[in-house]
Amino acid sequence: MATQQALISAIQALLDNGHKIPEGTTAQRIGKHWQSYLEPFSDEELQVAIHKLILTRTVAAWPPIAVIVQNIPRVESKKHLDELEDADEVFGEVLGLVASRGSYNPPTDLDYDRDPSRSRAIASGVRAAGGWKSLCRGTDREQASQRAAFRAAYRSNRTKAKINGSWDPSRALSAGVDISGMLEHMEISN
């Protein structure tokens, strides 16, 4: 937990390096505000973040709290970990499932992983690779194209899930929207 002394030192370091406190506020108010957001971080993490901020910022404006948090090493590491690509790894896991389950015992869309979003992405990749039976009966020569199709679908689905929250591709295709009568009022000529 960031101590009060660490917060004071951080504010002072920013002031000493030309950052200006916004008009209408005080260092005490900023300290209280920071304390609520920076509580989970250690003094050392806060110090590293402030030094990194001082070395990389070219504007003398007071930094938003989000910029300080983004510069904390474990937050940066978590961000990089979230960005790591794991499609090839997951394809290997799917091939392991293929070997253990066989072609007559395919998993359902939500059986691939405990995380429903990731499980749907894996199922999407399996469908793109030709389906479960195709993976079971595929040869070594076909595996490269199956892997490529799997990777593309898996990545796309994971990206959509990150952007849209809980992305479910089956909803996009089977929304059940009735469009009958929508075009009746339009004149369409050849």
N, C-alpha and C. Protein backbone atom coordinates (compact mmCIF):
# COMPACT_ATOMS: atom_id res chain seq x y z
N MET A 1 0.84 -1.17 0.00
CA MET A 1 0.00 0.00 0.00
C MET A 1 0.89 1.25 0.00
N ALA A 2 0.58 2.16 -0.89
CA ALA A 2 1.36 3.40 -0.97
C ALA A 2 1.12 4.23 0.29
N THR A 3 2.22 4.57 0.97
CA THR A 3 2.12 5.34 2.20
C THR A 3 1.91 6.82 1.87
N GLN A 4 1.51 7.56 2.88
CA GLN A 4 1.30 8.99 2.70
C GLN A 4 2.62 9.68 2.32
N GLN A 5 3.72 9.23 2.91
CA GLN A 5 5.02 9.81 2.57
C GLN A 5 5.37 9.58 1.11
N ALA A 6 5.04 8.39 0.58
CA ALA A 6 5.31 8.09 -0.84
C ALA A 6 4.46 8.99 -1.74
N LEU A 7 3.23 9.23 -1.35
CA LEU A 7 2.35 10.11 -2.14
C LEU A 7 2.89 11.54 -2.15
N ILE A 8 3.34 12.00 -0.99
CA ILE A 8 3.90 13.35 -0.89
C ILE A 8 5.15 13.46 -1.76
N SER A 9 6.01 12.44 -1.68
CA SER A 9 7.24 12.44 -2.50
C SER A 9 6.91 12.43 -3.99
N ALA A 10 5.88 11.69 -4.38
CA ALA A 10 5.49 11.62 -5.80
C ALA A 10 5.00 12.98 -6.29
N ILE A 11 4.15 13.61 -5.50
CA ILE A 11 3.64 14.94 -5.88
C ILE A 11 4.79 15.93 -5.96
N GLN A 12 5.69 15.88 -4.98
CA GLN A 12 6.82 16.80 -4.96
C GLN A 12 7.73 16.57 -6.17
N ALA A 13 7.95 15.31 -6.53
CA ALA A 13 8.80 15.01 -7.70
C ALA A 13 8.19 15.59 -8.97
N LEU A 14 6.88 15.49 -9.12
CA LEU A 14 6.23 16.07 -10.29
C LEU A 14 6.36 17.60 -10.29
N LEU A 15 6.15 18.21 -9.13
CA LEU A 15 6.28 19.66 -9.02
C LEU A 15 7.71 20.11 -9.33
N ASP A 16 8.69 19.37 -8.80
CA ASP A 16 10.09 19.71 -9.03
C ASP A 16 10.50 19.59 -10.50
N ASN A 17 9.75 18.80 -11.25
CA ASN A 17 10.07 18.59 -12.66
C ASN A 17 9.14 19.37 -13.60
N GLY A 18 8.54 20.42 -13.08
CA GLY A 18 7.81 21.35 -13.94
C GLY A 18 6.34 21.07 -14.15
N HIS A 19 5.81 20.04 -13.54
CA HIS A 19 4.37 19.78 -13.67
C HIS A 19 3.62 20.77 -12.78
N LYS A 20 2.55 21.30 -13.30
CA LYS A 20 1.81 22.32 -12.56
C LYS A 20 0.48 21.74 -12.07
N ILE A 21 0.19 22.03 -10.81
CA ILE A 21 -1.09 21.60 -10.23
C ILE A 21 -2.20 22.39 -10.92
N PRO A 22 -3.28 21.71 -11.33
CA PRO A 22 -4.39 22.41 -11.99
C PRO A 22 -4.96 23.51 -11.12
N GLU A 23 -5.36 24.58 -11.78
CA GLU A 23 -5.96 25.70 -11.06
C GLU A 23 -7.24 25.25 -10.38
N GLY A 24 -7.44 25.70 -9.17
CA GLY A 24 -8.65 25.36 -8.44
C GLY A 24 -8.52 24.15 -7.54
N THR A 25 -7.33 23.58 -7.46
CA THR A 25 -7.13 22.43 -6.57
C THR A 25 -5.84 22.64 -5.78
N THR A 26 -5.57 21.74 -4.86
CA THR A 26 -4.37 21.85 -4.03
C THR A 26 -3.66 20.50 -4.00
N ALA A 27 -2.44 20.52 -3.54
CA ALA A 27 -1.66 19.29 -3.40
C ALA A 27 -2.34 18.34 -2.41
N GLN A 28 -2.97 18.89 -1.38
CA GLN A 28 -3.65 18.06 -0.38
C GLN A 28 -4.84 17.31 -1.01
N ARG A 29 -5.61 18.01 -1.84
CA ARG A 29 -6.75 17.38 -2.51
C ARG A 29 -6.27 16.31 -3.48
N ILE A 30 -5.19 16.59 -4.19
CA ILE A 30 -4.63 15.61 -5.11
C ILE A 30 -4.15 14.38 -4.33
N GLY A 31 -3.48 14.62 -3.20
CA GLY A 31 -3.00 13.52 -2.36
C GLY A 31 -4.13 12.61 -1.90
N LYS A 32 -5.25 13.19 -1.47
CA LYS A 32 -6.40 12.39 -1.04
C LYS A 32 -6.98 11.60 -2.21
N HIS A 33 -7.06 12.25 -3.35
CA HIS A 33 -7.59 11.60 -4.55
C HIS A 33 -6.67 10.44 -4.95
N TRP A 34 -5.37 10.68 -4.98
CA TRP A 34 -4.42 9.65 -5.34
C TRP A 34 -4.48 8.48 -4.36
N GLN A 35 -4.62 8.80 -3.09
CA GLN A 35 -4.62 7.76 -2.07
C GLN A 35 -5.70 6.72 -2.34
N SER A 36 -6.88 7.17 -2.78
CA SER A 36 -7.96 6.23 -3.03
C SER A 36 -7.67 5.33 -4.23
N TYR A 37 -6.97 5.84 -5.23
CA TYR A 37 -6.69 5.04 -6.43
C TYR A 37 -5.38 4.25 -6.35
N LEU A 38 -4.42 4.76 -5.63
CA LEU A 38 -3.10 4.14 -5.59
C LEU A 38 -2.89 3.24 -4.38
N GLU A 39 -3.93 3.03 -3.61
CA GLU A 39 -3.85 2.22 -2.40
C GLU A 39 -3.30 0.80 -2.65
N PRO A 40 -3.69 0.12 -3.75
CA PRO A 40 -3.21 -1.25 -3.93
C PRO A 40 -1.73 -1.38 -4.29
N PHE A 41 -1.06 -0.27 -4.56
CA PHE A 41 0.31 -0.33 -5.05
C PHE A 41 1.30 0.03 -3.95
N SER A 42 2.51 -0.54 -4.06
CA SER A 42 3.54 -0.28 -3.06
C SER A 42 4.22 1.06 -3.32
N ASP A 43 4.99 1.51 -2.33
CA ASP A 43 5.76 2.76 -2.47
C ASP A 43 6.73 2.67 -3.64
N GLU A 44 7.39 1.51 -3.77
CA GLU A 44 8.36 1.33 -4.85
C GLU A 44 7.69 1.40 -6.22
N GLU A 45 6.52 0.78 -6.34
CA GLU A 45 5.80 0.80 -7.63
C GLU A 45 5.40 2.23 -7.99
N LEU A 46 4.95 2.99 -7.00
CA LEU A 46 4.57 4.38 -7.25
C LEU A 46 5.79 5.19 -7.67
N GLN A 47 6.91 4.97 -6.99
CA GLN A 47 8.14 5.70 -7.32
C GLN A 47 8.59 5.40 -8.75
N VAL A 48 8.55 4.14 -9.16
CA VAL A 48 8.93 3.77 -10.52
C VAL A 48 7.99 4.44 -11.53
N ALA A 49 6.70 4.42 -11.26
CA ALA A 49 5.72 5.02 -12.17
C ALA A 49 5.96 6.52 -12.32
N ILE A 50 6.22 7.20 -11.22
CA ILE A 50 6.45 8.65 -11.28
C ILE A 50 7.73 8.95 -12.05
N HIS A 51 8.79 8.20 -11.80
CA HIS A 51 10.04 8.43 -12.53
C HIS A 51 9.88 8.17 -14.03
N LYS A 52 9.17 7.12 -14.36
CA LYS A 52 8.91 6.82 -15.76
C LYS A 52 8.09 7.93 -16.40
N LEU A 53 7.13 8.43 -15.68
CA LEU A 53 6.27 9.52 -16.17
C LEU A 53 7.11 10.79 -16.40
N ILE A 54 7.97 11.10 -15.47
CA ILE A 54 8.82 12.30 -15.59
C ILE A 54 9.74 12.17 -16.80
N LEU A 55 10.27 10.98 -17.03
CA LEU A 55 11.20 10.79 -18.13
C LEU A 55 10.54 10.76 -19.51
N THR A 56 9.26 10.43 -19.55
CA THR A 56 8.61 10.28 -20.86
C THR A 56 7.62 11.39 -21.20
N ARG A 57 7.21 12.19 -20.25
CA ARG A 57 6.23 13.23 -20.52
C ARG A 57 6.93 14.50 -21.00
N THR A 58 6.37 15.11 -22.02
CA THR A 58 6.94 16.35 -22.53
C THR A 58 6.05 17.55 -22.21
N VAL A 59 4.90 17.30 -21.64
CA VAL A 59 3.95 18.37 -21.31
C VAL A 59 4.01 18.64 -19.82
N ALA A 60 3.91 19.88 -19.44
CA ALA A 60 3.98 20.25 -18.03
C ALA A 60 2.63 20.14 -17.32
N ALA A 61 1.60 19.69 -18.05
CA ALA A 61 0.28 19.55 -17.44
C ALA A 61 0.31 18.46 -16.37
N TRP A 62 -0.59 18.58 -15.41
CA TRP A 62 -0.66 17.60 -14.34
C TRP A 62 -1.19 16.29 -14.93
N PRO A 63 -0.52 15.16 -14.64
CA PRO A 63 -0.94 13.89 -15.26
C PRO A 63 -2.22 13.33 -14.65
N PRO A 64 -3.09 12.81 -15.49
CA PRO A 64 -4.29 12.13 -14.96
C PRO A 64 -3.87 10.89 -14.18
N ILE A 65 -4.68 10.47 -13.24
CA ILE A 65 -4.37 9.31 -12.40
C ILE A 65 -4.19 8.05 -13.26
N ALA A 66 -4.93 7.94 -14.35
CA ALA A 66 -4.83 6.76 -15.22
C ALA A 66 -3.44 6.63 -15.83
N VAL A 67 -2.82 7.74 -16.14
CA VAL A 67 -1.47 7.72 -16.71
C VAL A 67 -0.47 7.20 -15.68
N ILE A 68 -0.65 7.60 -14.45
CA ILE A 68 0.24 7.13 -13.38
C ILE A 68 0.06 5.62 -13.18
N VAL A 69 -1.20 5.17 -13.12
CA VAL A 69 -1.47 3.74 -12.93
C VAL A 69 -0.92 2.93 -14.10
N GLN A 70 -1.05 3.42 -15.32
CA GLN A 70 -0.54 2.69 -16.50
C GLN A 70 0.98 2.53 -16.46
N ASN A 71 1.66 3.42 -15.77
CA ASN A 71 3.12 3.35 -15.69
C ASN A 71 3.62 2.48 -14.55
N ILE A 72 2.72 1.93 -13.75
CA ILE A 72 3.13 1.02 -12.67
C ILE A 72 3.51 -0.32 -13.32
N PRO A 73 4.68 -0.84 -12.99
CA PRO A 73 5.21 -2.03 -13.70
C PRO A 73 4.25 -3.21 -13.78
N ARG A 74 3.57 -3.57 -12.70
CA ARG A 74 2.72 -4.76 -12.78
C ARG A 74 1.48 -4.52 -13.63
N VAL A 75 1.03 -3.27 -13.73
CA VAL A 75 -0.10 -2.95 -14.61
C VAL A 75 0.36 -3.07 -16.07
N GLU A 76 1.56 -2.57 -16.36
CA GLU A 76 2.12 -2.72 -17.71
C GLU A 76 2.30 -4.19 -18.06
N SER A 77 2.80 -4.98 -17.11
CA SER A 77 3.01 -6.41 -17.36
C SER A 77 1.70 -7.11 -17.63
N LYS A 78 0.66 -6.77 -16.87
CA LYS A 78 -0.67 -7.37 -17.07
C LYS A 78 -1.20 -7.00 -18.44
N LYS A 79 -0.99 -5.76 -18.86
CA LYS A 79 -1.44 -5.32 -20.18
C LYS A 79 -0.74 -6.12 -21.28
N HIS A 80 0.57 -6.31 -21.13
CA HIS A 80 1.32 -7.09 -22.12
C HIS A 80 0.87 -8.55 -22.11
N LEU A 81 0.59 -9.09 -20.94
CA LEU A 81 0.14 -10.46 -20.84
C LEU A 81 -1.21 -10.63 -21.55
N ASP A 82 -2.10 -9.66 -21.39
CA ASP A 82 -3.40 -9.71 -22.05
C ASP A 82 -3.27 -9.64 -23.57
N GLU A 83 -2.21 -8.99 -24.06
CA GLU A 83 -2.03 -8.83 -25.50
C GLU A 83 -1.32 -10.01 -26.16
N LEU A 84 -0.80 -10.93 -25.35
CA LEU A 84 -0.08 -12.07 -25.92
C LEU A 84 -1.01 -12.94 -26.76
N GLU A 85 -0.49 -13.39 -27.85
CA GLU A 85 -1.25 -14.23 -28.77
C GLU A 85 -1.12 -15.68 -28.32
N ASP A 86 -2.23 -16.38 -28.16
CA ASP A 86 -2.17 -17.77 -27.71
C ASP A 86 -2.87 -18.74 -28.65
N ALA A 87 -3.15 -18.32 -29.87
CA ALA A 87 -3.89 -19.18 -30.81
C ALA A 87 -3.16 -20.48 -31.11
N ASP A 88 -1.85 -20.43 -31.31
CA ASP A 88 -1.10 -21.65 -31.61
C ASP A 88 -1.12 -22.61 -30.42
N GLU A 89 -0.98 -22.05 -29.24
CA GLU A 89 -1.02 -22.85 -28.03
C GLU A 89 -2.38 -23.54 -27.89
N VAL A 90 -3.43 -22.79 -28.13
CA VAL A 90 -4.78 -23.32 -28.01
C VAL A 90 -5.03 -24.39 -29.07
N PHE A 91 -4.52 -24.18 -30.29
CA PHE A 91 -4.68 -25.19 -31.33
C PHE A 91 -4.03 -26.50 -30.88
N GLY A 92 -2.89 -26.42 -30.24
CA GLY A 92 -2.24 -27.63 -29.71
C GLY A 92 -3.11 -28.31 -28.67
N GLU A 93 -3.76 -27.52 -27.82
CA GLU A 93 -4.67 -28.09 -26.82
C GLU A 93 -5.86 -28.78 -27.50
N VAL A 94 -6.36 -28.17 -28.56
CA VAL A 94 -7.48 -28.77 -29.31
C VAL A 94 -7.04 -30.10 -29.90
N LEU A 95 -5.83 -30.14 -30.46
CA LEU A 95 -5.34 -31.41 -31.01
C LEU A 95 -5.21 -32.47 -29.91
N GLY A 96 -4.86 -32.04 -28.71
CA GLY A 96 -4.82 -32.97 -27.58
C GLY A 96 -6.20 -33.50 -27.25
N LEU A 97 -7.20 -32.62 -27.31
CA LEU A 97 -8.59 -33.05 -27.09
C LEU A 97 -9.03 -34.02 -28.19
N VAL A 98 -8.64 -33.73 -29.41
CA VAL A 98 -8.98 -34.61 -30.54
C VAL A 98 -8.43 -36.00 -30.27
N ALA A 99 -7.19 -36.08 -29.82
CA ALA A 99 -6.57 -37.37 -29.55
C ALA A 99 -7.26 -38.11 -28.40
N SER A 100 -7.67 -37.37 -27.38
CA SER A 100 -8.26 -38.03 -26.21
C SER A 100 -9.75 -38.34 -26.38
N ARG A 101 -10.47 -37.53 -27.13
CA ARG A 101 -11.92 -37.73 -27.24
C ARG A 101 -12.35 -38.50 -28.48
N GLY A 102 -11.59 -38.38 -29.56
CA GLY A 102 -11.95 -39.07 -30.79
C GLY A 102 -13.06 -38.34 -31.54
N SER A 103 -13.38 -38.85 -32.71
CA SER A 103 -14.33 -38.15 -33.59
C SER A 103 -15.78 -38.33 -33.17
N TYR A 104 -16.09 -39.34 -32.36
CA TYR A 104 -17.48 -39.58 -31.98
C TYR A 104 -17.88 -38.91 -30.67
N ASN A 105 -16.96 -38.20 -30.06
CA ASN A 105 -17.25 -37.55 -28.78
C ASN A 105 -16.82 -36.08 -28.82
N PRO A 106 -17.40 -35.29 -29.73
CA PRO A 106 -16.97 -33.89 -29.82
C PRO A 106 -17.48 -33.06 -28.63
N PRO A 107 -16.72 -32.09 -28.21
CA PRO A 107 -17.18 -31.21 -27.13
C PRO A 107 -18.22 -30.22 -27.66
N THR A 108 -19.05 -29.72 -26.75
CA THR A 108 -19.99 -28.65 -27.13
C THR A 108 -19.21 -27.34 -27.15
N ASP A 109 -19.84 -26.29 -27.63
CA ASP A 109 -19.17 -24.99 -27.73
C ASP A 109 -18.63 -24.50 -26.39
N LEU A 110 -19.25 -24.88 -25.29
CA LEU A 110 -18.81 -24.38 -23.99
C LEU A 110 -17.97 -25.39 -23.21
N ASP A 111 -17.61 -26.51 -23.83
CA ASP A 111 -16.79 -27.53 -23.16
C ASP A 111 -15.29 -27.33 -23.31
N TYR A 112 -14.87 -26.44 -24.16
CA TYR A 112 -13.44 -26.29 -24.45
C TYR A 112 -12.66 -25.62 -23.32
N ASP A 113 -13.29 -24.69 -22.61
CA ASP A 113 -12.59 -23.93 -21.58
C ASP A 113 -13.59 -23.50 -20.51
N ARG A 114 -13.10 -23.21 -19.30
CA ARG A 114 -13.98 -22.73 -18.23
C ARG A 114 -14.53 -21.34 -18.52
N ASP A 115 -13.75 -20.53 -19.24
CA ASP A 115 -14.19 -19.19 -19.62
C ASP A 115 -15.10 -19.31 -20.85
N PRO A 116 -16.38 -18.96 -20.72
CA PRO A 116 -17.31 -19.12 -21.85
C PRO A 116 -16.89 -18.35 -23.10
N SER A 117 -16.35 -17.17 -22.93
CA SER A 117 -15.92 -16.36 -24.07
C SER A 117 -14.78 -17.06 -24.81
N ARG A 118 -13.82 -17.56 -24.08
CA ARG A 118 -12.68 -18.26 -24.69
C ARG A 118 -13.14 -19.57 -25.32
N SER A 119 -14.07 -20.25 -24.65
CA SER A 119 -14.59 -21.51 -25.17
C SER A 119 -15.30 -21.29 -26.50
N ARG A 120 -16.09 -20.22 -26.61
CA ARG A 120 -16.76 -19.91 -27.87
C ARG A 120 -15.74 -19.58 -28.97
N ALA A 121 -14.67 -18.90 -28.60
CA ALA A 121 -13.63 -18.58 -29.57
C ALA A 121 -12.96 -19.86 -30.08
N ILE A 122 -12.73 -20.80 -29.19
CA ILE A 122 -12.13 -22.08 -29.59
C ILE A 122 -13.08 -22.83 -30.50
N ALA A 123 -14.36 -22.86 -30.13
CA ALA A 123 -15.36 -23.54 -30.97
C ALA A 123 -15.43 -22.91 -32.35
N SER A 124 -15.34 -21.60 -32.40
CA SER A 124 -15.34 -20.89 -33.69
C SER A 124 -14.12 -21.30 -34.52
N GLY A 125 -12.98 -21.42 -33.87
CA GLY A 125 -11.77 -21.86 -34.56
C GLY A 125 -11.88 -23.29 -35.08
N VAL A 126 -12.49 -24.15 -34.29
CA VAL A 126 -12.67 -25.55 -34.71
C VAL A 126 -13.58 -25.60 -35.94
N ARG A 127 -14.68 -24.83 -35.91
CA ARG A 127 -15.58 -24.79 -37.08
C ARG A 127 -14.85 -24.28 -38.32
N ALA A 128 -14.02 -23.24 -38.14
CA ALA A 128 -13.29 -22.66 -39.26
C ALA A 128 -12.26 -23.65 -39.83
N ALA A 129 -11.74 -24.52 -38.99
CA ALA A 129 -10.76 -25.51 -39.42
C ALA A 129 -11.41 -26.71 -40.10
N GLY A 130 -12.71 -26.65 -40.27
CA GLY A 130 -13.42 -27.75 -40.94
C GLY A 130 -14.30 -28.56 -40.03
N GLY A 131 -14.30 -28.23 -38.77
CA GLY A 131 -15.14 -28.96 -37.82
C GLY A 131 -14.36 -30.03 -37.06
N TRP A 132 -15.01 -30.56 -36.05
CA TRP A 132 -14.39 -31.54 -35.17
C TRP A 132 -13.95 -32.79 -35.94
N LYS A 133 -14.84 -33.34 -36.75
CA LYS A 133 -14.51 -34.58 -37.48
C LYS A 133 -13.37 -34.35 -38.46
N SER A 134 -13.34 -33.18 -39.07
CA SER A 134 -12.26 -32.86 -40.00
C SER A 134 -10.92 -32.82 -39.28
N LEU A 135 -10.91 -32.27 -38.08
CA LEU A 135 -9.68 -32.25 -37.29
C LEU A 135 -9.27 -33.67 -36.88
N CYS A 136 -10.28 -34.49 -36.56
CA CYS A 136 -9.97 -35.86 -36.15
C CYS A 136 -9.41 -36.69 -37.30
N ARG A 137 -9.93 -36.47 -38.47
CA ARG A 137 -9.53 -37.29 -39.61
C ARG A 137 -8.46 -36.64 -40.48
N GLY A 138 -8.06 -35.45 -40.11
CA GLY A 138 -7.09 -34.71 -40.91
C GLY A 138 -5.71 -35.35 -40.91
N THR A 139 -4.99 -35.12 -41.99
CA THR A 139 -3.63 -35.65 -42.11
C THR A 139 -2.64 -34.56 -41.73
N ASP A 140 -1.39 -34.96 -41.63
CA ASP A 140 -0.33 -33.99 -41.32
C ASP A 140 -0.25 -32.90 -42.40
N ARG A 141 -0.51 -33.27 -43.64
CA ARG A 141 -0.45 -32.30 -44.74
C ARG A 141 -1.56 -31.26 -44.63
N GLU A 142 -2.70 -31.62 -44.08
CA GLU A 142 -3.83 -30.69 -43.95
C GLU A 142 -3.71 -29.80 -42.71
N GLN A 143 -2.86 -30.20 -41.80
CA GLN A 143 -2.80 -29.53 -40.51
C GLN A 143 -2.41 -28.05 -40.60
N ALA A 144 -1.53 -27.70 -41.52
CA ALA A 144 -1.12 -26.30 -41.65
C ALA A 144 -2.30 -25.41 -42.04
N SER A 145 -3.11 -25.87 -42.98
CA SER A 145 -4.26 -25.05 -43.39
C SER A 145 -5.32 -25.03 -42.29
N GLN A 146 -5.49 -26.14 -41.58
CA GLN A 146 -6.43 -26.17 -40.47
C GLN A 146 -5.99 -25.21 -39.36
N ARG A 147 -4.69 -25.22 -39.08
CA ARG A 147 -4.14 -24.33 -38.05
C ARG A 147 -4.36 -22.87 -38.45
N ALA A 148 -4.11 -22.54 -39.70
CA ALA A 148 -4.29 -21.16 -40.17
C ALA A 148 -5.74 -20.72 -40.05
N ALA A 149 -6.66 -21.59 -40.46
CA ALA A 149 -8.09 -21.26 -40.36
C ALA A 149 -8.50 -21.12 -38.90
N PHE A 150 -8.01 -22.03 -38.06
CA PHE A 150 -8.32 -21.97 -36.63
C PHE A 150 -7.83 -20.65 -36.04
N ARG A 151 -6.57 -20.31 -36.32
CA ARG A 151 -5.97 -19.10 -35.75
C ARG A 151 -6.76 -17.85 -36.14
N ALA A 152 -7.12 -17.75 -37.41
CA ALA A 152 -7.84 -16.56 -37.88
C ALA A 152 -9.18 -16.42 -37.17
N ALA A 153 -9.93 -17.51 -37.09
CA ALA A 153 -11.25 -17.45 -36.45
C ALA A 153 -11.14 -17.22 -34.95
N TYR A 154 -10.19 -17.89 -34.32
CA TYR A 154 -9.99 -17.74 -32.88
C TYR A 154 -9.61 -16.31 -32.53
N ARG A 155 -8.65 -15.75 -33.26
CA ARG A 155 -8.22 -14.37 -33.01
C ARG A 155 -9.37 -13.39 -33.21
N SER A 156 -10.10 -13.56 -34.30
CA SER A 156 -11.21 -12.67 -34.60
C SER A 156 -12.25 -12.72 -33.49
N ASN A 157 -12.57 -13.91 -33.05
CA ASN A 157 -13.58 -14.07 -32.00
C ASN A 157 -13.10 -13.48 -30.69
N ARG A 158 -11.82 -13.68 -30.33
CA ARG A 158 -11.28 -13.12 -29.08
C ARG A 158 -11.27 -11.59 -29.13
N THR A 159 -10.91 -11.04 -30.28
CA THR A 159 -10.89 -9.59 -30.43
C THR A 159 -12.29 -9.02 -30.30
N LYS A 160 -13.24 -9.65 -30.95
CA LYS A 160 -14.64 -9.19 -30.85
C LYS A 160 -15.15 -9.28 -29.42
N ALA A 161 -14.75 -10.34 -28.71
CA ALA A 161 -15.17 -10.49 -27.32
C ALA A 161 -14.59 -9.37 -26.45
N LYS A 162 -13.35 -8.97 -26.73
CA LYS A 162 -12.75 -7.88 -25.96
C LYS A 162 -13.45 -6.55 -26.24
N ILE A 163 -13.81 -6.34 -27.50
CA ILE A 163 -14.44 -5.07 -27.88
C ILE A 163 -15.91 -5.03 -27.46
N ASN A 164 -16.64 -6.10 -27.74
CA ASN A 164 -18.08 -6.11 -27.51
C ASN A 164 -18.50 -6.71 -26.19
N GLY A 165 -17.57 -7.12 -25.38
CA GLY A 165 -17.94 -7.80 -24.15
C GLY A 165 -18.10 -9.27 -24.44
N SER A 166 -19.26 -9.80 -24.25
CA SER A 166 -19.50 -11.22 -24.45
C SER A 166 -19.97 -11.47 -25.88
N TRP A 167 -19.04 -11.56 -26.80
CA TRP A 167 -19.36 -11.77 -28.21
C TRP A 167 -19.76 -13.22 -28.44
N ASP A 168 -20.93 -13.44 -28.99
CA ASP A 168 -21.38 -14.77 -29.33
C ASP A 168 -21.73 -14.78 -30.80
N PRO A 169 -20.91 -15.42 -31.65
CA PRO A 169 -21.14 -15.36 -33.09
C PRO A 169 -22.47 -15.98 -33.50
N SER A 170 -23.00 -16.90 -32.71
CA SER A 170 -24.28 -17.52 -33.09
C SER A 170 -25.41 -16.50 -33.02
N ARG A 171 -25.28 -15.48 -32.15
CA ARG A 171 -26.32 -14.45 -32.07
C ARG A 171 -26.35 -13.61 -33.33
N ALA A 172 -25.20 -13.39 -33.93
CA ALA A 172 -25.14 -12.54 -35.12
C ALA A 172 -25.84 -13.19 -36.30
N LEU A 173 -25.80 -14.51 -36.37
CA LEU A 173 -26.39 -15.21 -37.52
C LEU A 173 -27.83 -15.61 -37.29
N SER A 174 -28.21 -15.83 -36.05
CA SER A 174 -29.56 -16.33 -35.79
C SER A 174 -30.30 -15.40 -34.84
N ALA A 175 -30.30 -14.15 -35.14
CA ALA A 175 -30.94 -13.19 -34.26
C ALA A 175 -32.46 -13.33 -34.27
N GLY A 176 -33.01 -14.00 -35.29
CA GLY A 176 -34.45 -14.21 -35.33
C GLY A 176 -35.22 -12.96 -35.68
N VAL A 177 -34.63 -12.05 -36.41
CA VAL A 177 -35.30 -10.81 -36.77
C VAL A 177 -36.17 -11.07 -37.98
N ASP A 178 -37.43 -10.67 -37.90
CA ASP A 178 -38.36 -10.83 -39.01
C ASP A 178 -38.32 -9.57 -39.86
N ILE A 179 -37.90 -9.72 -41.11
CA ILE A 179 -37.81 -8.55 -41.99
C ILE A 179 -38.95 -8.51 -43.00
N SER A 180 -39.89 -9.44 -42.87
CA SER A 180 -41.00 -9.43 -43.82
C SER A 180 -41.79 -8.13 -43.65
N GLY A 181 -42.10 -7.51 -44.74
CA GLY A 181 -42.87 -6.27 -44.72
C GLY A 181 -42.02 -5.03 -44.61
N MET A 182 -40.74 -5.17 -44.41
CA MET A 182 -39.89 -3.98 -44.25
C MET A 182 -39.68 -3.23 -45.55
N LEU A 183 -39.67 -3.94 -46.65
CA LEU A 183 -39.37 -3.32 -47.92
C LEU A 183 -40.62 -3.05 -48.76
N GLU A 184 -41.78 -3.35 -48.24
CA GLU A 184 -43.02 -3.17 -49.01
C GLU A 184 -43.27 -1.73 -49.42
N HIS A 185 -42.87 -0.78 -48.62
CA HIS A 185 -43.15 0.61 -48.90
C HIS A 185 -42.18 1.22 -49.91
N MET A 186 -41.13 0.50 -50.26
CA MET A 186 -40.12 1.04 -51.18
C MET A 186 -40.43 0.63 -52.61
N GLU A 187 -40.15 1.54 -53.50
CA GLU A 187 -40.29 1.21 -54.92
C GLU A 187 -38.92 0.78 -55.42
N ILE A 188 -38.87 -0.40 -55.94
CA ILE A 188 -37.61 -0.92 -56.47
C ILE A 188 -37.79 -1.11 -57.96
N SER A 189 -36.95 -0.45 -58.74
CA SER A 189 -37.05 -0.58 -60.19
C SER A 189 -35.76 -1.19 -60.72
N ASN A 190 -35.88 -1.81 -61.86
CA ASN A 190 -34.70 -2.46 -62.47
C ASN A 190 -33.92 -1.50 -63.27
